N, C-alpha and C. Protein backbone atom coordinates (compact mmCIF):
# COMPACT_ATOMS: atom_id res chain seq x y z
N MET A 1 17.99 5.51 10.74
CA MET A 1 16.64 5.71 10.24
C MET A 1 16.09 4.38 9.75
N SER A 2 14.83 4.16 10.06
CA SER A 2 14.16 2.94 9.62
C SER A 2 13.51 3.19 8.26
N ARG A 3 13.90 2.37 7.28
CA ARG A 3 13.32 2.54 5.95
C ARG A 3 11.84 2.17 5.96
N ILE A 4 11.50 1.17 6.75
CA ILE A 4 10.10 0.75 6.82
C ILE A 4 9.30 1.73 7.67
N GLY A 5 9.87 2.15 8.80
CA GLY A 5 9.16 3.02 9.73
C GLY A 5 8.76 4.36 9.16
N LYS A 6 9.58 4.92 8.27
CA LYS A 6 9.27 6.26 7.77
C LYS A 6 8.27 6.27 6.62
N MET A 7 7.90 5.08 6.09
CA MET A 7 6.90 5.04 5.02
C MET A 7 5.51 5.28 5.62
N PRO A 8 4.69 6.13 5.01
CA PRO A 8 3.34 6.34 5.52
C PRO A 8 2.43 5.15 5.18
N ILE A 9 1.43 4.93 6.01
CA ILE A 9 0.44 3.88 5.78
C ILE A 9 -0.77 4.53 5.14
N THR A 10 -1.14 4.07 3.96
CA THR A 10 -2.31 4.60 3.28
C THR A 10 -3.55 3.89 3.81
N VAL A 11 -4.51 4.67 4.28
CA VAL A 11 -5.77 4.12 4.80
C VAL A 11 -6.78 4.12 3.67
N PRO A 12 -7.23 2.94 3.20
CA PRO A 12 -8.18 2.89 2.08
C PRO A 12 -9.57 3.35 2.49
N LYS A 13 -10.41 3.60 1.50
CA LYS A 13 -11.80 4.00 1.77
C LYS A 13 -12.52 2.85 2.46
N GLY A 14 -13.38 3.19 3.40
CA GLY A 14 -14.12 2.18 4.14
C GLY A 14 -13.41 1.74 5.41
N VAL A 15 -12.21 2.23 5.65
CA VAL A 15 -11.45 1.88 6.85
C VAL A 15 -11.30 3.13 7.71
N THR A 16 -11.66 3.01 8.99
CA THR A 16 -11.50 4.14 9.91
C THR A 16 -10.47 3.77 10.97
N VAL A 17 -9.66 4.76 11.33
CA VAL A 17 -8.61 4.56 12.33
C VAL A 17 -8.87 5.53 13.47
N GLU A 18 -8.92 5.00 14.70
CA GLU A 18 -9.10 5.83 15.90
C GLU A 18 -7.88 5.67 16.78
N ILE A 19 -7.28 6.79 17.18
CA ILE A 19 -6.11 6.78 18.05
C ILE A 19 -6.47 7.46 19.35
N GLN A 20 -6.30 6.72 20.46
CA GLN A 20 -6.55 7.27 21.79
C GLN A 20 -5.34 6.97 22.66
N GLY A 21 -4.45 7.92 22.77
CA GLY A 21 -3.22 7.71 23.53
C GLY A 21 -2.33 6.70 22.84
N THR A 22 -2.07 5.57 23.51
CA THR A 22 -1.24 4.53 22.91
C THR A 22 -2.07 3.41 22.29
N ASN A 23 -3.38 3.57 22.28
CA ASN A 23 -4.28 2.55 21.73
C ASN A 23 -4.71 2.95 20.32
N ILE A 24 -4.69 1.98 19.41
CA ILE A 24 -5.14 2.23 18.04
C ILE A 24 -6.22 1.21 17.70
N LYS A 25 -7.30 1.69 17.10
CA LYS A 25 -8.42 0.84 16.73
C LYS A 25 -8.70 1.04 15.25
N VAL A 26 -8.65 -0.06 14.49
CA VAL A 26 -8.86 -0.01 13.04
C VAL A 26 -10.14 -0.78 12.73
N THR A 27 -11.09 -0.10 12.05
CA THR A 27 -12.37 -0.70 11.71
C THR A 27 -12.53 -0.70 10.20
N GLY A 28 -12.95 -1.85 9.66
CA GLY A 28 -13.14 -1.97 8.22
C GLY A 28 -14.32 -2.85 7.91
N THR A 29 -14.46 -3.21 6.64
CA THR A 29 -15.60 -4.02 6.22
C THR A 29 -15.52 -5.45 6.76
N LYS A 30 -14.32 -5.97 6.99
CA LYS A 30 -14.15 -7.35 7.47
C LYS A 30 -14.24 -7.47 8.99
N GLY A 31 -13.98 -6.38 9.72
CA GLY A 31 -14.04 -6.46 11.18
C GLY A 31 -13.28 -5.33 11.85
N VAL A 32 -12.98 -5.55 13.14
CA VAL A 32 -12.31 -4.54 13.97
C VAL A 32 -11.08 -5.16 14.61
N LEU A 33 -9.95 -4.45 14.56
CA LEU A 33 -8.73 -4.86 15.24
C LEU A 33 -8.27 -3.73 16.14
N GLU A 34 -7.73 -4.11 17.30
CA GLU A 34 -7.28 -3.12 18.27
C GLU A 34 -5.92 -3.54 18.82
N ARG A 35 -5.05 -2.57 19.10
CA ARG A 35 -3.71 -2.87 19.59
C ARG A 35 -3.20 -1.69 20.42
N ASP A 36 -2.40 -2.02 21.43
CA ASP A 36 -1.71 -0.99 22.20
C ASP A 36 -0.32 -0.81 21.61
N VAL A 37 0.05 0.42 21.34
CA VAL A 37 1.34 0.75 20.73
C VAL A 37 2.29 1.17 21.85
N ARG A 38 3.57 0.88 21.67
CA ARG A 38 4.58 1.27 22.66
C ARG A 38 4.59 2.79 22.81
N PRO A 39 4.81 3.30 24.04
CA PRO A 39 4.80 4.75 24.24
C PRO A 39 5.95 5.48 23.56
N GLU A 40 6.98 4.75 23.10
CA GLU A 40 8.11 5.39 22.42
C GLU A 40 7.77 5.79 20.99
N ILE A 41 6.60 5.36 20.50
CA ILE A 41 6.19 5.64 19.12
C ILE A 41 4.98 6.56 19.13
N GLU A 42 5.03 7.60 18.31
CA GLU A 42 3.92 8.55 18.19
C GLU A 42 3.20 8.32 16.86
N LEU A 43 1.88 8.30 16.90
CA LEU A 43 1.08 8.08 15.70
C LEU A 43 0.39 9.37 15.30
N GLU A 44 0.44 9.68 14.00
CA GLU A 44 -0.18 10.89 13.47
C GLU A 44 -1.09 10.52 12.32
N LEU A 45 -2.35 10.91 12.41
CA LEU A 45 -3.32 10.59 11.36
C LEU A 45 -3.70 11.86 10.61
N THR A 46 -3.48 11.85 9.29
CA THR A 46 -3.91 12.94 8.43
C THR A 46 -4.78 12.33 7.34
N GLU A 47 -5.86 12.95 7.01
CA GLU A 47 -6.87 12.51 6.04
C GLU A 47 -6.85 11.02 5.74
N ASN A 48 -6.02 10.54 4.82
CA ASN A 48 -6.02 9.11 4.50
C ASN A 48 -4.64 8.49 4.67
N GLN A 49 -3.79 9.10 5.50
CA GLN A 49 -2.46 8.55 5.75
C GLN A 49 -2.16 8.54 7.23
N LEU A 50 -1.48 7.48 7.66
CA LEU A 50 -1.07 7.33 9.05
C LEU A 50 0.45 7.27 9.07
N VAL A 51 1.07 8.09 9.92
CA VAL A 51 2.52 8.17 9.99
C VAL A 51 2.97 7.82 11.41
N CYS A 52 3.97 6.97 11.52
CA CYS A 52 4.57 6.62 12.81
C CYS A 52 5.86 7.43 12.96
N LYS A 53 6.06 7.98 14.17
CA LYS A 53 7.28 8.76 14.43
C LYS A 53 7.90 8.29 15.74
N PRO A 54 9.23 8.14 15.78
CA PRO A 54 9.88 7.74 17.02
C PRO A 54 10.05 8.93 17.97
N LYS A 55 10.07 8.64 19.28
CA LYS A 55 10.28 9.70 20.27
C LYS A 55 11.70 9.63 20.83
N GLY A 56 12.64 9.22 20.01
CA GLY A 56 14.03 9.12 20.44
C GLY A 56 14.86 8.60 19.29
N THR A 57 16.17 8.40 19.57
CA THR A 57 17.05 7.92 18.51
C THR A 57 17.82 6.68 18.93
N SER A 58 17.44 6.05 20.03
CA SER A 58 18.16 4.85 20.45
C SER A 58 17.86 3.69 19.48
N LYS A 59 18.72 2.69 19.51
CA LYS A 59 18.58 1.56 18.60
C LYS A 59 17.25 0.83 18.85
N ARG A 60 16.87 0.71 20.12
CA ARG A 60 15.62 0.03 20.48
C ARG A 60 14.40 0.79 19.94
N VAL A 61 14.40 2.09 20.10
CA VAL A 61 13.27 2.90 19.63
C VAL A 61 13.14 2.83 18.11
N LEU A 62 14.27 2.86 17.42
CA LEU A 62 14.23 2.78 15.96
C LEU A 62 13.75 1.41 15.49
N ALA A 63 14.09 0.35 16.23
CA ALA A 63 13.60 -0.99 15.90
C ALA A 63 12.10 -1.07 16.13
N LEU A 64 11.62 -0.50 17.23
CA LEU A 64 10.19 -0.50 17.52
C LEU A 64 9.42 0.35 16.51
N TRP A 65 10.06 1.35 15.95
CA TRP A 65 9.43 2.21 14.95
C TRP A 65 9.03 1.40 13.73
N GLY A 66 9.95 0.63 13.16
CA GLY A 66 9.64 -0.20 12.00
C GLY A 66 8.65 -1.30 12.32
N LEU A 67 8.78 -1.91 13.50
CA LEU A 67 7.87 -2.97 13.92
C LEU A 67 6.45 -2.45 14.04
N THR A 68 6.30 -1.31 14.70
CA THR A 68 4.97 -0.72 14.91
C THR A 68 4.32 -0.38 13.58
N ARG A 69 5.08 0.18 12.67
CA ARG A 69 4.54 0.53 11.36
C ARG A 69 4.06 -0.72 10.63
N SER A 70 4.82 -1.81 10.69
CA SER A 70 4.43 -3.06 10.02
C SER A 70 3.18 -3.65 10.65
N LEU A 71 3.10 -3.63 11.97
CA LEU A 71 1.94 -4.19 12.66
C LEU A 71 0.66 -3.41 12.32
N ILE A 72 0.76 -2.09 12.29
CA ILE A 72 -0.41 -1.26 11.97
C ILE A 72 -0.80 -1.44 10.50
N ASP A 73 0.19 -1.56 9.61
CA ASP A 73 -0.10 -1.80 8.19
C ASP A 73 -0.82 -3.13 8.02
N ASN A 74 -0.41 -4.15 8.77
CA ASN A 74 -1.10 -5.45 8.72
C ASN A 74 -2.52 -5.34 9.24
N MET A 75 -2.76 -4.50 10.24
CA MET A 75 -4.11 -4.30 10.74
C MET A 75 -5.00 -3.67 9.67
N VAL A 76 -4.48 -2.64 9.00
CA VAL A 76 -5.25 -1.95 7.96
C VAL A 76 -5.54 -2.90 6.80
N THR A 77 -4.54 -3.67 6.39
CA THR A 77 -4.74 -4.64 5.31
C THR A 77 -5.74 -5.72 5.71
N GLY A 78 -5.66 -6.17 6.94
CA GLY A 78 -6.54 -7.23 7.43
C GLY A 78 -8.00 -6.86 7.44
N VAL A 79 -8.32 -5.66 7.92
CA VAL A 79 -9.73 -5.26 7.99
C VAL A 79 -10.29 -4.87 6.63
N SER A 80 -9.41 -4.60 5.66
CA SER A 80 -9.92 -4.24 4.34
C SER A 80 -9.97 -5.44 3.39
N THR A 81 -8.90 -6.26 3.34
CA THR A 81 -8.89 -7.40 2.42
C THR A 81 -8.78 -8.75 3.11
N GLY A 82 -8.17 -8.81 4.27
CA GLY A 82 -8.01 -10.07 5.00
C GLY A 82 -6.74 -10.80 4.57
N PHE A 83 -6.45 -11.90 5.27
CA PHE A 83 -5.26 -12.69 5.00
C PHE A 83 -5.65 -14.15 4.82
N THR A 84 -4.92 -14.85 3.96
CA THR A 84 -5.15 -16.28 3.76
C THR A 84 -3.82 -17.01 3.85
N LYS A 85 -3.88 -18.24 4.30
CA LYS A 85 -2.71 -19.11 4.37
C LYS A 85 -3.17 -20.48 3.91
N LYS A 86 -2.42 -21.09 2.99
CA LYS A 86 -2.82 -22.37 2.44
C LYS A 86 -1.85 -23.46 2.87
N LEU A 87 -2.41 -24.57 3.34
CA LEU A 87 -1.64 -25.73 3.76
C LEU A 87 -2.01 -26.92 2.88
N LEU A 88 -1.02 -27.76 2.58
CA LEU A 88 -1.27 -28.97 1.79
C LEU A 88 -1.09 -30.19 2.68
N VAL A 89 -2.00 -31.14 2.59
CA VAL A 89 -1.92 -32.39 3.32
C VAL A 89 -1.52 -33.47 2.32
N GLU A 90 -0.32 -34.03 2.48
CA GLU A 90 0.19 -35.00 1.51
C GLU A 90 0.47 -36.33 2.19
N GLY A 91 0.02 -37.40 1.57
CA GLY A 91 0.26 -38.74 2.06
C GLY A 91 -0.92 -39.63 1.71
N VAL A 92 -0.66 -40.94 1.58
CA VAL A 92 -1.71 -41.88 1.23
C VAL A 92 -2.66 -42.01 2.42
N GLY A 93 -3.93 -41.75 2.20
CA GLY A 93 -4.92 -41.84 3.26
C GLY A 93 -5.00 -40.62 4.17
N TYR A 94 -4.19 -39.62 3.92
CA TYR A 94 -4.22 -38.40 4.74
C TYR A 94 -5.36 -37.52 4.24
N ARG A 95 -6.21 -37.08 5.17
CA ARG A 95 -7.38 -36.26 4.82
C ARG A 95 -7.58 -35.15 5.84
N ALA A 96 -8.27 -34.12 5.41
CA ALA A 96 -8.65 -33.03 6.30
C ALA A 96 -10.10 -32.67 6.01
N SER A 97 -10.86 -32.37 7.08
CA SER A 97 -12.24 -31.94 6.91
C SER A 97 -12.58 -30.94 8.00
N VAL A 98 -13.54 -30.07 7.70
CA VAL A 98 -13.95 -29.04 8.65
C VAL A 98 -15.43 -29.23 8.98
N GLN A 99 -15.74 -29.26 10.27
CA GLN A 99 -17.12 -29.30 10.75
C GLN A 99 -17.28 -28.15 11.72
N GLY A 100 -17.94 -27.09 11.29
CA GLY A 100 -18.14 -25.93 12.14
C GLY A 100 -16.81 -25.25 12.45
N ASN A 101 -16.39 -25.31 13.73
CA ASN A 101 -15.17 -24.66 14.17
C ASN A 101 -14.07 -25.68 14.48
N THR A 102 -14.26 -26.93 14.04
CA THR A 102 -13.31 -28.00 14.33
C THR A 102 -12.71 -28.54 13.03
N LEU A 103 -11.41 -28.60 12.98
CA LEU A 103 -10.69 -29.17 11.84
C LEU A 103 -10.27 -30.58 12.23
N THR A 104 -10.72 -31.57 11.46
CA THR A 104 -10.39 -32.97 11.73
C THR A 104 -9.34 -33.43 10.73
N LEU A 105 -8.22 -33.93 11.27
CA LEU A 105 -7.10 -34.36 10.44
C LEU A 105 -6.84 -35.85 10.63
N ASN A 106 -6.87 -36.60 9.53
CA ASN A 106 -6.46 -38.00 9.54
C ASN A 106 -5.08 -38.02 8.87
N VAL A 107 -4.04 -38.06 9.69
CA VAL A 107 -2.68 -37.93 9.17
C VAL A 107 -1.76 -39.02 9.68
N GLY A 108 -2.24 -40.26 9.70
CA GLY A 108 -1.38 -41.38 10.01
C GLY A 108 -1.32 -41.79 11.47
N TYR A 109 -2.02 -41.12 12.34
CA TYR A 109 -2.08 -41.53 13.73
C TYR A 109 -3.20 -42.56 13.89
N SER A 110 -3.24 -43.25 15.03
CA SER A 110 -4.24 -44.29 15.24
C SER A 110 -5.66 -43.74 15.28
N SER A 111 -5.80 -42.48 15.68
CA SER A 111 -7.12 -41.84 15.67
C SER A 111 -6.99 -40.45 15.04
N ALA A 112 -8.11 -39.91 14.63
CA ALA A 112 -8.12 -38.60 14.00
C ALA A 112 -7.77 -37.52 15.02
N VAL A 113 -7.11 -36.48 14.54
CA VAL A 113 -6.75 -35.34 15.39
C VAL A 113 -7.76 -34.24 15.16
N ASN A 114 -8.42 -33.78 16.24
CA ASN A 114 -9.37 -32.67 16.15
C ASN A 114 -8.69 -31.41 16.63
N TYR A 115 -8.65 -30.41 15.76
CA TYR A 115 -8.03 -29.13 16.10
C TYR A 115 -9.13 -28.08 16.16
N GLN A 116 -9.26 -27.41 17.30
CA GLN A 116 -10.26 -26.37 17.50
C GLN A 116 -9.73 -25.06 16.95
N LEU A 117 -10.38 -24.51 15.93
CA LEU A 117 -9.95 -23.25 15.33
C LEU A 117 -10.26 -22.09 16.27
N PRO A 118 -9.35 -21.14 16.42
CA PRO A 118 -9.62 -19.99 17.29
C PRO A 118 -10.65 -19.04 16.66
N ASP A 119 -11.25 -18.20 17.49
CA ASP A 119 -12.19 -17.20 16.98
C ASP A 119 -11.43 -16.24 16.07
N GLY A 120 -12.01 -15.92 14.93
CA GLY A 120 -11.37 -15.01 13.99
C GLY A 120 -10.65 -15.72 12.86
N VAL A 121 -10.60 -17.05 12.89
CA VAL A 121 -9.97 -17.81 11.82
C VAL A 121 -10.97 -18.84 11.30
N ALA A 122 -11.16 -18.85 9.98
CA ALA A 122 -12.06 -19.81 9.34
C ALA A 122 -11.23 -20.70 8.42
N ALA A 123 -11.63 -21.96 8.30
CA ALA A 123 -10.90 -22.90 7.45
C ALA A 123 -11.83 -23.48 6.41
N VAL A 124 -11.28 -23.74 5.23
CA VAL A 124 -12.00 -24.38 4.14
C VAL A 124 -11.10 -25.48 3.60
N THR A 125 -11.66 -26.66 3.40
CA THR A 125 -10.88 -27.76 2.80
C THR A 125 -11.37 -27.99 1.38
N GLU A 126 -10.45 -28.36 0.51
CA GLU A 126 -10.78 -28.64 -0.88
C GLU A 126 -10.51 -30.09 -1.21
N LYS A 127 -10.95 -30.52 -2.38
CA LYS A 127 -10.79 -31.91 -2.82
C LYS A 127 -9.32 -32.32 -2.97
N ASP A 128 -8.46 -31.37 -3.29
CA ASP A 128 -7.05 -31.70 -3.51
C ASP A 128 -6.26 -31.79 -2.21
N ASN A 129 -6.95 -32.05 -1.10
CA ASN A 129 -6.33 -32.19 0.23
C ASN A 129 -5.57 -30.94 0.63
N SER A 130 -6.20 -29.80 0.50
CA SER A 130 -5.59 -28.56 0.95
C SER A 130 -6.51 -27.88 1.96
N ILE A 131 -5.91 -27.14 2.86
CA ILE A 131 -6.63 -26.39 3.88
C ILE A 131 -6.31 -24.92 3.65
N THR A 132 -7.34 -24.09 3.51
CA THR A 132 -7.15 -22.65 3.35
C THR A 132 -7.69 -21.96 4.59
N LEU A 133 -6.84 -21.21 5.27
CA LEU A 133 -7.22 -20.46 6.46
C LEU A 133 -7.45 -19.01 6.09
N HIS A 134 -8.55 -18.43 6.59
CA HIS A 134 -8.90 -17.03 6.33
C HIS A 134 -9.04 -16.30 7.66
N GLY A 135 -8.65 -15.03 7.69
CA GLY A 135 -8.83 -14.22 8.88
C GLY A 135 -8.38 -12.80 8.65
N ILE A 136 -8.69 -11.92 9.62
CA ILE A 136 -8.29 -10.52 9.48
C ILE A 136 -7.01 -10.23 10.25
N ASP A 137 -6.65 -11.08 11.21
CA ASP A 137 -5.44 -10.88 12.02
C ASP A 137 -4.32 -11.74 11.46
N LYS A 138 -3.31 -11.12 10.87
CA LYS A 138 -2.22 -11.85 10.22
C LYS A 138 -1.47 -12.73 11.21
N GLU A 139 -1.25 -12.22 12.42
CA GLU A 139 -0.54 -13.00 13.42
C GLU A 139 -1.32 -14.26 13.80
N LEU A 140 -2.61 -14.14 13.98
CA LEU A 140 -3.44 -15.27 14.38
C LEU A 140 -3.55 -16.31 13.26
N VAL A 141 -3.67 -15.86 12.01
CA VAL A 141 -3.73 -16.79 10.88
C VAL A 141 -2.42 -17.55 10.76
N GLY A 142 -1.30 -16.85 10.88
CA GLY A 142 0.01 -17.49 10.79
C GLY A 142 0.26 -18.46 11.94
N LEU A 143 -0.14 -18.08 13.16
CA LEU A 143 0.02 -18.95 14.32
C LEU A 143 -0.82 -20.21 14.18
N THR A 144 -2.04 -20.07 13.71
CA THR A 144 -2.93 -21.22 13.51
C THR A 144 -2.35 -22.15 12.46
N ALA A 145 -1.82 -21.60 11.37
CA ALA A 145 -1.22 -22.42 10.32
C ALA A 145 0.00 -23.17 10.87
N ALA A 146 0.80 -22.52 11.69
CA ALA A 146 1.98 -23.16 12.26
C ALA A 146 1.58 -24.29 13.21
N GLN A 147 0.52 -24.09 13.99
CA GLN A 147 0.07 -25.13 14.91
C GLN A 147 -0.50 -26.33 14.16
N ILE A 148 -1.22 -26.08 13.08
CA ILE A 148 -1.76 -27.19 12.28
C ILE A 148 -0.61 -27.95 11.61
N ARG A 149 0.38 -27.24 11.10
CA ARG A 149 1.54 -27.88 10.47
C ARG A 149 2.30 -28.73 11.48
N HIS A 150 2.34 -28.28 12.72
CA HIS A 150 3.08 -28.98 13.78
C HIS A 150 2.46 -30.35 14.12
N ILE A 151 1.19 -30.55 13.80
CA ILE A 151 0.52 -31.82 14.08
C ILE A 151 1.22 -32.96 13.33
N ARG A 152 1.61 -32.75 12.09
CA ARG A 152 2.36 -33.75 11.32
C ARG A 152 3.26 -33.00 10.34
N LYS A 153 4.48 -32.71 10.78
CA LYS A 153 5.43 -32.00 9.93
C LYS A 153 5.80 -32.85 8.72
N PRO A 154 6.14 -32.21 7.60
CA PRO A 154 6.51 -33.00 6.42
C PRO A 154 7.84 -33.72 6.65
N GLU A 155 7.88 -35.00 6.28
CA GLU A 155 9.12 -35.75 6.47
C GLU A 155 9.91 -35.75 5.16
N PRO A 156 11.24 -35.83 5.23
CA PRO A 156 12.08 -35.59 4.05
C PRO A 156 12.19 -36.77 3.08
N TYR A 157 11.73 -37.97 3.43
CA TYR A 157 11.94 -39.13 2.55
C TYR A 157 10.82 -39.29 1.52
N LYS A 158 9.58 -39.24 1.96
CA LYS A 158 8.46 -39.36 1.03
C LYS A 158 7.68 -38.06 0.89
N GLY A 159 7.93 -37.10 1.77
CA GLY A 159 7.22 -35.83 1.71
C GLY A 159 5.85 -35.85 2.36
N LYS A 160 5.56 -36.91 3.13
CA LYS A 160 4.25 -37.02 3.77
C LYS A 160 4.16 -36.03 4.93
N GLY A 161 2.97 -35.50 5.14
CA GLY A 161 2.74 -34.58 6.25
C GLY A 161 1.96 -33.36 5.80
N ILE A 162 1.96 -32.36 6.66
CA ILE A 162 1.26 -31.10 6.38
C ILE A 162 2.32 -30.03 6.15
N ARG A 163 2.23 -29.34 5.01
CA ARG A 163 3.19 -28.29 4.71
C ARG A 163 2.47 -27.08 4.13
N TYR A 164 3.17 -25.93 4.17
CA TYR A 164 2.63 -24.72 3.55
C TYR A 164 2.63 -24.91 2.04
N ALA A 165 1.74 -24.25 1.35
CA ALA A 165 1.64 -24.39 -0.10
C ALA A 165 2.90 -23.87 -0.80
N ASP A 166 3.54 -22.86 -0.24
CA ASP A 166 4.73 -22.29 -0.87
C ASP A 166 6.03 -22.82 -0.26
N GLU A 167 5.93 -23.87 0.56
CA GLU A 167 7.11 -24.43 1.22
C GLU A 167 7.75 -25.52 0.36
N TYR A 168 9.06 -25.52 0.33
CA TYR A 168 9.80 -26.55 -0.38
C TYR A 168 10.39 -27.51 0.65
N VAL A 169 10.10 -28.79 0.52
CA VAL A 169 10.64 -29.80 1.42
C VAL A 169 11.78 -30.49 0.70
N ALA A 170 13.00 -30.34 1.23
CA ALA A 170 14.17 -30.98 0.62
C ALA A 170 14.06 -32.49 0.82
N ARG A 171 14.12 -33.23 -0.27
CA ARG A 171 13.97 -34.68 -0.21
C ARG A 171 15.34 -35.34 -0.04
N LYS A 172 15.35 -36.40 0.77
CA LYS A 172 16.57 -37.17 1.00
C LYS A 172 16.46 -38.51 0.28
N VAL A 173 17.61 -39.07 -0.03
CA VAL A 173 17.66 -40.39 -0.64
C VAL A 173 17.57 -41.41 0.50
N GLY A 174 16.80 -42.45 0.30
CA GLY A 174 16.67 -43.48 1.33
C GLY A 174 17.93 -44.31 1.45
N LYS A 175 17.91 -45.32 2.34
CA LYS A 175 19.12 -46.10 2.58
C LYS A 175 19.53 -46.94 1.38
N ALA A 176 18.59 -47.29 0.50
CA ALA A 176 18.94 -48.06 -0.69
C ALA A 176 19.77 -47.20 -1.65
N GLY A 177 19.50 -45.93 -1.71
CA GLY A 177 20.22 -45.04 -2.61
C GLY A 177 21.60 -44.69 -2.08
N GLY A 178 21.78 -44.74 -0.77
CA GLY A 178 23.06 -44.38 -0.17
C GLY A 178 24.05 -45.52 -0.16
N ALA A 179 23.61 -46.76 -0.40
CA ALA A 179 24.49 -47.93 -0.33
C ALA A 179 25.36 -48.07 -1.56
N LYS A 180 25.05 -47.45 -2.64
CA LYS A 180 25.79 -47.61 -3.90
C LYS A 180 27.14 -46.94 -3.87
């Protein structure tokens, strides 16, 4: 039994869920998300709760049961409150700025790196050299944050680079510290 899969999803006020076969469409104040669900999982909607049920007992079906429940819960949360991911840009002269749908990063390369934000993700930069990504699709926000971080990963000696706000970068001692 999946502990996650058997928990019901509470649908808040202002969010509507439409189920047509294996397709689920969630509409809320922030937007609309749509997804095709595996045929091994059955969805049941009652008043303000959505329940996922497996159509078998194999290990694969039970794994898909918990996955499907988590994905649908993320859809409901996204259209009602949205998701944010915060990145920090650290280093002397490292800067980030947003112009429309383009994120410009000056992170130690000979020229600035322009990153085109996907539809559904908005970015805001602050004075403390941080980038905050907003969106309704958790997967897309996380993927965008990972791609931006990949432009200049944090290095372990001085900590320069782009990192998540809640990420800890293990620092190493330089060669002067190792010679003693």
